[in-house]
Amino acid sequence: MKRHVYFLVFMFAVLPLLAGCGKKPAWIPLWTAPPPGSTAGASGEPADGDVAATSQADADALFATDADKMDNPRIAVYKSRHVLEVYDGDTLMARMKVAVGRVDGAKKRSGDNKTPEGSYYICSTSDTGKSYKSLFLSYPNSDDAYAGLNDKVLTQAQYDDIVSSIDRRLQPAWDTGLGGEIAVSGTGAAGKGRVGDWTAGNVSVSDKDMDYLWKYITVGTDVEINPGRKMGLRLNFNY
């Protein structure tokens, strides 16, 4: 009787593992540009082992769909693929290549030369400066502030001020130990002749692509920056 019970327990424990062995991680690539106005499929980071095979194809599959306006624009950045995608609701409207911070990982401190990772929104804009045009991100967000408070980079008062600004979808303080003034920006004079990931934290696109973003993206637009693994792509935006 005991042997029978042990066998049943063993089978219940092992069968689910065996069932999953033959399955590949679910990931639906978006790399074939859809016709204008079509609805995009699911997006997400590729599974380990798939990145190298897809990254260069991702960078090459670039396009932009012209429209009179976008009713619900949003931006998704995939750092590992060096790709920025623009959506209008669930419809994929554009894909463009990007350069990010020269140091890998999520931004944690002022001057660490890293690009933030997480959920942000456009909190202000500028059409002057060395980066041509800039759409400034709401970095640091509440999660960044909480980590900064725990790491004693922020005071309680600074933390409260940042969280209050984020709750009201305003520009958070940029003069703390977490840094700030991070943007989706053009290349401009700051990136002239640069290749690879060269920024101090910005998500940089070509000036031509920045003109596209400037047409549709406004203060309040949501931006999701996904973490990634760098593939050593040498991107040059001087075109």
C-alpha atoms as a PDB file:
ATOM      1  CA  MET A   1       0.000   0.000   0.000  1.00  0.00           C
ATOM      2  CA  LYS A   2       2.754   2.414   0.964  1.00  0.00           C
ATOM      3  CA  ARG A   3       4.621   1.614  -2.243  1.00  0.00           C
ATOM      4  CA  HIS A   4       1.494   2.475  -4.272  1.00  0.00           C
ATOM      5  CA  VAL A   5       1.105   5.792  -2.453  1.00  0.00           C
ATOM      6  CA  TYR A   6       4.767   6.680  -2.991  1.00  0.00           C
ATOM      7  CA  PHE A   7       4.405   5.930  -6.690  1.00  0.00           C
ATOM      8  CA  LEU A   8       1.374   8.243  -7.044  1.00  0.00           C
ATOM      9  CA  VAL A   9       3.162  11.053  -5.209  1.00  0.00           C
ATOM     10  CA  PHE A  10       6.188  10.612  -7.463  1.00  0.00           C
ATOM     11  CA  MET A  11       4.086  10.754 -10.629  1.00  0.00           C
ATOM     12  CA  PHE A  12       2.221  13.901  -9.549  1.00  0.00           C
ATOM     13  CA  ALA A  13       5.561  15.597  -8.859  1.00  0.00           C
ATOM     14  CA  VAL A  14       7.361  14.547 -12.045  1.00  0.00           C
ATOM     15  CA  LEU A  15       4.684  14.655 -14.741  1.00  0.00           C
ATOM     16  CA  PRO A  16       4.320  18.482 -14.797  1.00  0.00           C
ATOM     17  CA  LEU A  17       8.082  18.810 -15.215  1.00  0.00           C
ATOM     18  CA  LEU A  18       8.146  16.331 -18.069  1.00  0.00           C
ATOM     19  CA  ALA A  19       5.243  18.078 -19.757  1.00  0.00           C
ATOM     20  CA  GLY A  20       7.128  21.365 -19.801  1.00  0.00           C
ATOM     21  CA  CYS A  21      10.393  19.992 -21.137  1.00  0.00           C
ATOM     22  CA  GLY A  22       9.347  20.085 -24.761  1.00  0.00           C
ATOM     23  CA  LYS A  23       7.870  23.590 -24.644  1.00  0.00           C
ATOM     24  CA  LYS A  24       9.726  26.689 -25.734  1.00  0.00           C
ATOM     25  CA  PRO A  25       9.062  29.967 -23.913  1.00  0.00           C
ATOM     26  CA  ALA A  26       6.107  31.772 -25.421  1.00  0.00           C
ATOM     27  CA  TRP A  27       7.298  34.849 -27.289  1.00  0.00           C
ATOM     28  CA  ILE A  28       5.635  36.384 -30.287  1.00  0.00           C
ATOM     29  CA  PRO A  29       8.118  38.548 -32.221  1.00  0.00           C
ATOM     30  CA  LEU A  30       7.031  41.790 -33.829  1.00  0.00           C
ATOM     31  CA  TRP A  31       9.855  42.163 -36.279  1.00  0.00           C
ATOM     32  CA  THR A  32       7.888  42.116 -39.526  1.00  0.00           C
ATOM     33  CA  ALA A  33       6.492  45.590 -39.940  1.00  0.00           C
ATOM     34  CA  PRO A  34       2.676  45.366 -40.013  1.00  0.00           C
ATOM     35  CA  PRO A  35       0.618  47.204 -42.642  1.00  0.00           C
ATOM     36  CA  PRO A  36      -0.451  50.715 -41.598  1.00  0.00           C
ATOM     37  CA  GLY A  37      -3.324  50.597 -39.146  1.00  0.00           C
ATOM     38  CA  SER A  38      -2.933  46.933 -38.277  1.00  0.00           C
ATOM     39  CA  THR A  39      -2.942  45.709 -34.696  1.00  0.00           C
ATOM     40  CA  ALA A  40       0.340  44.577 -33.180  1.00  0.00           C
ATOM     41  CA  GLY A  41       0.827  41.202 -31.592  1.00  0.00           C
ATOM     42  CA  ALA A  42       2.118  40.572 -28.093  1.00  0.00           C
ATOM     43  CA  SER A  43       5.464  42.052 -27.189  1.00  0.00           C
ATOM     44  CA  GLY A  44       8.028  41.174 -24.580  1.00  0.00           C
ATOM     45  CA  GLU A  45      11.633  40.369 -23.932  1.00  0.00           C
ATOM     46  CA  PRO A  46      12.881  37.303 -25.829  1.00  0.00           C
ATOM     47  CA  ALA A  47      13.903  34.205 -23.963  1.00  0.00           C
ATOM     48  CA  ASP A  48      17.572  33.561 -23.204  1.00  0.00           C
ATOM     49  CA  GLY A  49      19.327  32.322 -26.317  1.00  0.00           C
ATOM     50  CA  ASP A  50      16.989  34.134 -28.693  1.00  0.00           C
ATOM     51  CA  VAL A  51      18.468  37.600 -28.232  1.00  0.00           C
ATOM     52  CA  ALA A  52      21.546  37.314 -30.438  1.00  0.00           C
ATOM     53  CA  ALA A  53      19.547  35.872 -33.325  1.00  0.00           C
ATOM     54  CA  THR A  54      16.947  38.625 -33.259  1.00  0.00           C
ATOM     55  CA  SER A  55      18.715  41.812 -32.187  1.00  0.00           C
ATOM     56  CA  GLN A  56      20.181  42.807 -35.540  1.00  0.00           C
ATOM     57  CA  ALA A  57      16.956  41.883 -37.325  1.00  0.00           C
ATOM     58  CA  ASP A  58      15.121  44.071 -34.811  1.00  0.00           C
ATOM     59  CA  ALA A  59      17.345  47.024 -35.601  1.00  0.00           C
ATOM     60  CA  ASP A  60      16.812  46.527 -39.338  1.00  0.00           C
ATOM     61  CA  ALA A  61      12.997  46.207 -39.159  1.00  0.00           C
ATOM     62  CA  LEU A  62      12.392  49.943 -38.879  1.00  0.00           C
ATOM     63  CA  PHE A  63       9.345  51.813 -40.125  1.00  0.00           C
ATOM     64  CA  ALA A  64       7.016  54.695 -39.314  1.00  0.00           C
ATOM     65  CA  THR A  65       3.321  55.005 -40.108  1.00  0.00           C
ATOM     66  CA  ASP A  66       2.139  58.510 -40.837  1.00  0.00           C
ATOM     67  CA  ALA A  67      -1.150  59.606 -39.292  1.00  0.00           C
ATOM     68  CA  ASP A  68      -3.022  62.865 -38.792  1.00  0.00           C
ATOM     69  CA  LYS A  69      -2.910  62.267 -35.041  1.00  0.00           C
ATOM     70  CA  MET A  70      -2.701  59.547 -32.413  1.00  0.00           C
ATOM     71  CA  ASP A  71      -5.554  59.291 -29.929  1.00  0.00           C
ATOM     72  CA  ASN A  72      -3.715  57.234 -27.315  1.00  0.00           C
ATOM     73  CA  PRO A  73       0.039  57.262 -27.986  1.00  0.00           C
ATOM     74  CA  ARG A  74       2.515  55.364 -25.828  1.00  0.00           C
ATOM     75  CA  ILE A  75       6.151  54.362 -26.082  1.00  0.00           C
ATOM     76  CA  ALA A  76       7.880  51.055 -25.335  1.00  0.00           C
ATOM     77  CA  VAL A  77      11.682  50.877 -25.222  1.00  0.00           C
ATOM     78  CA  TYR A  78      13.573  47.548 -25.353  1.00  0.00           C
ATOM     79  CA  LYS A  79      17.122  48.232 -24.238  1.00  0.00           C
ATOM     80  CA  SER A  80      18.466  44.781 -25.171  1.00  0.00           C
ATOM     81  CA  ARG A  81      17.216  45.194 -28.737  1.00  0.00           C
ATOM     82  CA  HIS A  82      18.089  48.888 -29.042  1.00  0.00           C
ATOM     83  CA  VAL A  83      14.532  49.451 -30.246  1.00  0.00           C
ATOM     84  CA  LEU A  84      11.830  52.006 -29.477  1.00  0.00           C
ATOM     85  CA  GLU A  85       8.258  51.295 -30.516  1.00  0.00           C
ATOM     86  CA  VAL A  86       5.386  53.772 -30.745  1.00  0.00           C
ATOM     87  CA  TYR A  87       1.829  52.557 -30.254  1.00  0.00           C
ATOM     88  CA  ASP A  88      -1.532  54.224 -30.672  1.00  0.00           C
ATOM     89  CA  GLY A  89      -3.515  52.145 -28.208  1.00  0.00           C
ATOM     90  CA  ASP A  90      -2.714  48.575 -29.269  1.00  0.00           C
ATOM     91  CA  THR A  91      -1.707  49.511 -32.818  1.00  0.00           C
ATOM     92  CA  LEU A  92       2.005  49.509 -33.565  1.00  0.00           C
ATOM     93  CA  MET A  93       2.753  52.733 -35.441  1.00  0.00           C
ATOM     94  CA  ALA A  94       6.548  52.984 -35.596  1.00  0.00           C
ATOM     95  CA  ARG A  95       9.783  51.243 -34.708  1.00  0.00           C
ATOM     96  CA  MET A  96      13.153  52.990 -34.506  1.00  0.00           C
ATOM     97  CA  LYS A  97      16.640  52.199 -33.274  1.00  0.00           C
ATOM     98  CA  VAL A  98      17.992  53.745 -30.085  1.00  0.00           C
ATOM     99  CA  ALA A  99      21.203  54.226 -28.165  1.00  0.00           C
ATOM    100  CA  VAL A 100      21.034  54.158 -24.362  1.00  0.00           C
ATOM    101  CA  GLY A 101      23.315  54.814 -21.418  1.00  0.00           C
ATOM    102  CA  ARG A 102      26.956  53.851 -21.803  1.00  0.00           C
ATOM    103  CA  VAL A 103      26.740  51.760 -18.615  1.00  0.00           C
ATOM    104  CA  ASP A 104      24.397  48.745 -18.510  1.00  0.00           C
ATOM    105  CA  GLY A 105      21.681  48.349 -15.877  1.00  0.00           C
ATOM    106  CA  ALA A 106      18.945  50.512 -14.369  1.00  0.00           C
ATOM    107  CA  LYS A 107      19.721  54.058 -13.249  1.00  0.00           C
ATOM    108  CA  LYS A 108      20.157  54.332  -9.459  1.00  0.00           C
ATOM    109  CA  ARG A 109      22.325  57.388  -8.902  1.00  0.00           C
ATOM    110  CA  SER A 110      23.159  60.764 -10.349  1.00  0.00           C
ATOM    111  CA  GLY A 111      26.048  60.451 -12.789  1.00  0.00           C
ATOM    112  CA  ASP A 112      25.988  56.652 -13.129  1.00  0.00           C
ATOM    113  CA  ASN A 113      25.504  56.906 -16.938  1.00  0.00           C
ATOM    114  CA  LYS A 114      22.648  54.376 -16.863  1.00  0.00           C
ATOM    115  CA  THR A 115      19.223  54.563 -18.489  1.00  0.00           C
ATOM    116  CA  PRO A 116      16.227  54.133 -16.145  1.00  0.00           C
ATOM    117  CA  GLU A 117      14.067  51.010 -16.341  1.00  0.00           C
ATOM    118  CA  GLY A 118      10.385  50.945 -15.456  1.00  0.00           C
ATOM    119  CA  SER A 119       7.160  52.870 -16.019  1.00  0.00           C
ATOM    120  CA  TYR A 120       7.387  56.595 -16.687  1.00  0.00           C
ATOM    121  CA  TYR A 121       5.563  59.371 -18.524  1.00  0.00           C
ATOM    122  CA  ILE A 122       6.631  62.437 -20.456  1.00  0.00           C
ATOM    123  CA  CYS A 123       6.670  65.272 -17.921  1.00  0.00           C
ATOM    124  CA  SER A 124       8.121  68.135 -19.992  1.00  0.00           C
ATOM    125  CA  THR A 125       9.637  68.879 -23.390  1.00  0.00           C
ATOM    126  CA  SER A 126      12.355  71.042 -24.922  1.00  0.00           C
ATOM    127  CA  ASP A 127      13.237  71.911 -28.511  1.00  0.00           C
ATOM    128  CA  THR A 128      16.582  73.481 -27.654  1.00  0.00           C
ATOM    129  CA  GLY A 129      19.891  72.085 -26.487  1.00  0.00           C
ATOM    130  CA  LYS A 130      22.676  69.799 -27.686  1.00  0.00           C
ATOM    131  CA  SER A 131      20.289  66.837 -28.082  1.00  0.00           C
ATOM    132  CA  TYR A 132      18.163  68.577 -30.746  1.00  0.00           C
ATOM    133  CA  LYS A 133      14.763  67.947 -29.110  1.00  0.00           C
ATOM    134  CA  SER A 134      13.948  66.205 -25.836  1.00  0.00           C
ATOM    135  CA  LEU A 135      10.928  64.482 -24.292  1.00  0.00           C
ATOM    136  CA  PHE A 136      11.783  64.384 -20.604  1.00  0.00           C
ATOM    137  CA  LEU A 137      10.894  61.316 -18.525  1.00  0.00           C
ATOM    138  CA  SER A 138       9.355  61.322 -15.066  1.00  0.00           C
ATOM    139  CA  TYR A 139      12.525  59.843 -13.584  1.00  0.00           C
ATOM    140  CA  PRO A 140      12.809  59.230 -10.685  1.00  0.00           C
ATOM    141  CA  ASN A 141       9.436  57.512 -10.280  1.00  0.00           C
ATOM    142  CA  SER A 142       7.992  56.266  -6.988  1.00  0.00           C
ATOM    143  CA  ASP A 143       9.845  52.937  -7.185  1.00  0.00           C
ATOM    144  CA  ASP A 144      13.139  54.716  -7.841  1.00  0.00           C
ATOM    145  CA  ALA A 145      12.454  57.016  -4.906  1.00  0.00           C
ATOM    146  CA  TYR A 146      11.610  54.133  -2.578  1.00  0.00           C
ATOM    147  CA  ALA A 147      14.869  52.386  -3.458  1.00  0.00           C
ATOM    148  CA  GLY A 148      16.732  55.653  -2.957  1.00  0.00           C
ATOM    149  CA  LEU A 149      15.171  56.152   0.448  1.00  0.00           C
ATOM    150  CA  ASN A 150      16.132  52.639   1.547  1.00  0.00           C
ATOM    151  CA  ASP A 151      19.681  53.180   0.258  1.00  0.00           C
ATOM    152  CA  LYS A 152      19.850  56.518   2.135  1.00  0.00           C
ATOM    153  CA  VAL A 153      20.357  58.421  -1.107  1.00  0.00           C
ATOM    154  CA  LEU A 154      17.181  60.420  -0.400  1.00  0.00           C
ATOM    155  CA  THR A 155      15.883  62.064   2.725  1.00  0.00           C
ATOM    156  CA  GLN A 156      12.316  61.391   3.809  1.00  0.00           C
ATOM    157  CA  ALA A 157      11.340  64.881   2.660  1.00  0.00           C
ATOM    158  CA  GLN A 158      12.853  64.313  -0.797  1.00  0.00           C
ATOM    159  CA  TYR A 159      11.100  60.958  -1.078  1.00  0.00           C
ATOM    160  CA  ASP A 160       7.742  62.486  -0.107  1.00  0.00           C
ATOM    161  CA  ASP A 161       8.202  65.308  -2.627  1.00  0.00           C
ATOM    162  CA  ILE A 162       8.988  62.905  -5.513  1.00  0.00           C
ATOM    163  CA  VAL A 163       6.051  60.620  -4.702  1.00  0.00           C
ATOM    164  CA  SER A 164       3.716  63.613  -4.494  1.00  0.00           C
ATOM    165  CA  SER A 165       4.852  64.811  -7.931  1.00  0.00           C
ATOM    166  CA  ILE A 166       4.418  61.353  -9.472  1.00  0.00           C
ATOM    167  CA  ASP A 167       0.947  60.967  -7.947  1.00  0.00           C
ATOM    168  CA  ARG A 168      -0.020  64.239  -9.656  1.00  0.00           C
ATOM    169  CA  ARG A 169       1.835  63.294 -12.863  1.00  0.00           C
ATOM    170  CA  LEU A 170       4.127  66.300 -12.628  1.00  0.00           C
ATOM    171  CA  GLN A 171       7.879  66.647 -13.095  1.00  0.00           C
ATOM    172  CA  PRO A 172       9.699  65.092 -10.109  1.00  0.00           C
ATOM    173  CA  ALA A 173      12.728  66.706  -8.480  1.00  0.00           C
ATOM    174  CA  TRP A 174      15.900  66.340 -10.553  1.00  0.00           C
ATOM    175  CA  ASP A 175      18.336  67.768  -7.991  1.00  0.00           C
ATOM    176  CA  THR A 176      18.647  64.780  -5.635  1.00  0.00           C
ATOM    177  CA  GLY A 177      21.193  61.977  -5.386  1.00  0.00           C
ATOM    178  CA  LEU A 178      19.096  59.944  -7.838  1.00  0.00           C
ATOM    179  CA  GLY A 179      19.714  62.431 -10.644  1.00  0.00           C
ATOM    180  CA  GLY A 180      17.214  63.370 -13.318  1.00  0.00           C
ATOM    181  CA  GLU A 181      16.661  65.306 -16.546  1.00  0.00           C
ATOM    182  CA  ILE A 182      16.611  62.005 -18.458  1.00  0.00           C
ATOM    183  CA  ALA A 183      14.876  62.135 -21.827  1.00  0.00           C
ATOM    184  CA  VAL A 184      13.956  60.423 -25.030  1.00  0.00           C
ATOM    185  CA  SER A 185      15.991  62.752 -27.188  1.00  0.00           C
ATOM    186  CA  GLY A 186      17.399  63.368 -30.609  1.00  0.00           C
ATOM    187  CA  THR A 187      21.055  62.980 -31.457  1.00  0.00           C
ATOM    188  CA  GLY A 188      21.968  66.587 -32.148  1.00  0.00           C
ATOM    189  CA  ALA A 189      25.432  67.958 -31.497  1.00  0.00           C
ATOM    190  CA  ALA A 190      25.769  65.816 -28.368  1.00  0.00           C
ATOM    191  CA  GLY A 191      25.762  62.560 -30.354  1.00  0.00           C
ATOM    192  CA  LYS A 192      27.420  63.661 -33.573  1.00  0.00           C
ATOM    193  CA  GLY A 193      29.787  60.909 -34.742  1.00  0.00           C
ATOM    194  CA  ARG A 194      28.961  58.623 -31.800  1.00  0.00           C
ATOM    195  CA  VAL A 195      28.434  54.876 -32.202  1.00  0.00           C
ATOM    196  CA  GLY A 196      27.165  52.222 -29.808  1.00  0.00           C
ATOM    197  CA  ASP A 197      25.606  53.164 -26.487  1.00  0.00           C
ATOM    198  CA  TRP A 198      27.034  56.564 -25.678  1.00  0.00           C
ATOM    199  CA  THR A 199      24.485  58.575 -23.674  1.00  0.00           C
ATOM    200  CA  ALA A 200      24.644  59.609 -20.019  1.00  0.00           C
ATOM    201  CA  GLY A 201      21.208  58.002 -19.535  1.00  0.00           C
ATOM    202  CA  ASN A 202      19.014  59.305 -22.327  1.00  0.00           C
ATOM    203  CA  VAL A 203      17.229  57.134 -24.861  1.00  0.00           C
ATOM    204  CA  SER A 204      18.621  58.644 -28.064  1.00  0.00           C
ATOM    205  CA  VAL A 205      17.069  58.373 -31.522  1.00  0.00           C
ATOM    206  CA  SER A 206      18.064  60.005 -34.799  1.00  0.00           C
ATOM    207  CA  ASP A 207      16.975  63.601 -35.311  1.00  0.00           C
ATOM    208  CA  LYS A 208      14.698  62.398 -38.118  1.00  0.00           C
ATOM    209  CA  ASP A 209      12.995  59.927 -35.785  1.00  0.00           C
ATOM    210  CA  MET A 210      12.808  62.618 -33.104  1.00  0.00           C
ATOM    211  CA  ASP A 211      10.787  64.777 -35.498  1.00  0.00           C
ATOM    212  CA  TYR A 212       8.326  61.883 -35.816  1.00  0.00           C
ATOM    213  CA  LEU A 213       8.030  61.546 -32.035  1.00  0.00           C
ATOM    214  CA  TRP A 214       7.701  65.309 -31.634  1.00  0.00           C
ATOM    215  CA  LYS A 215       4.669  65.252 -33.925  1.00  0.00           C
ATOM    216  CA  TYR A 216       2.717  62.727 -31.864  1.00  0.00           C
ATOM    217  CA  ILE A 217       4.109  62.473 -28.334  1.00  0.00           C
ATOM    218  CA  THR A 218       2.934  64.998 -25.748  1.00  0.00           C
ATOM    219  CA  VAL A 219       3.288  65.653 -22.020  1.00  0.00           C
ATOM    220  CA  GLY A 220       1.547  62.820 -20.178  1.00  0.00           C
ATOM    221  CA  THR A 221       2.391  60.082 -22.705  1.00  0.00           C
ATOM    222  CA  ASP A 222       3.284  56.793 -20.985  1.00  0.00           C
ATOM    223  CA  VAL A 223       6.754  55.331 -21.550  1.00  0.00           C
ATOM    224  CA  GLU A 224       7.773  51.802 -20.554  1.00  0.00           C
ATOM    225  CA  ILE A 225      11.516  51.095 -20.532  1.00  0.00           C
ATOM    226  CA  ASN A 226      12.272  47.390 -20.482  1.00  0.00           C
ATOM    227  CA  PRO A 227      15.580  46.065 -19.129  1.00  0.00           C
ATOM    228  CA  GLY A 228      17.943  44.324 -21.443  1.00  0.00           C
ATOM    229  CA  ARG A 229      21.224  42.701 -22.243  1.00  0.00           C
ATOM    230  CA  LYS A 230      23.506  44.631 -24.577  1.00  0.00           C
ATOM    231  CA  MET A 231      24.400  42.929 -27.846  1.00  0.00           C
ATOM    232  CA  GLY A 232      27.195  45.235 -28.977  1.00  0.00           C
ATOM    233  CA  LEU A 233      25.305  46.729 -31.916  1.00  0.00           C
ATOM    234  CA  ARG A 234      27.147  49.693 -33.387  1.00  0.00           C
ATOM    235  CA  LEU A 235      24.453  52.241 -34.086  1.00  0.00           C
ATOM    236  CA  ASN A 236      25.243  55.448 -35.949  1.00  0.00           C
ATOM    237  CA  PHE A 237      22.438  58.004 -36.202  1.00  0.00           C
ATOM    238  CA  ASN A 238      24.099  60.565 -38.454  1.00  0.00           C
ATOM    239  CA  TYR A 239      21.762  60.216 -41.394  1.00  0.00           C
END
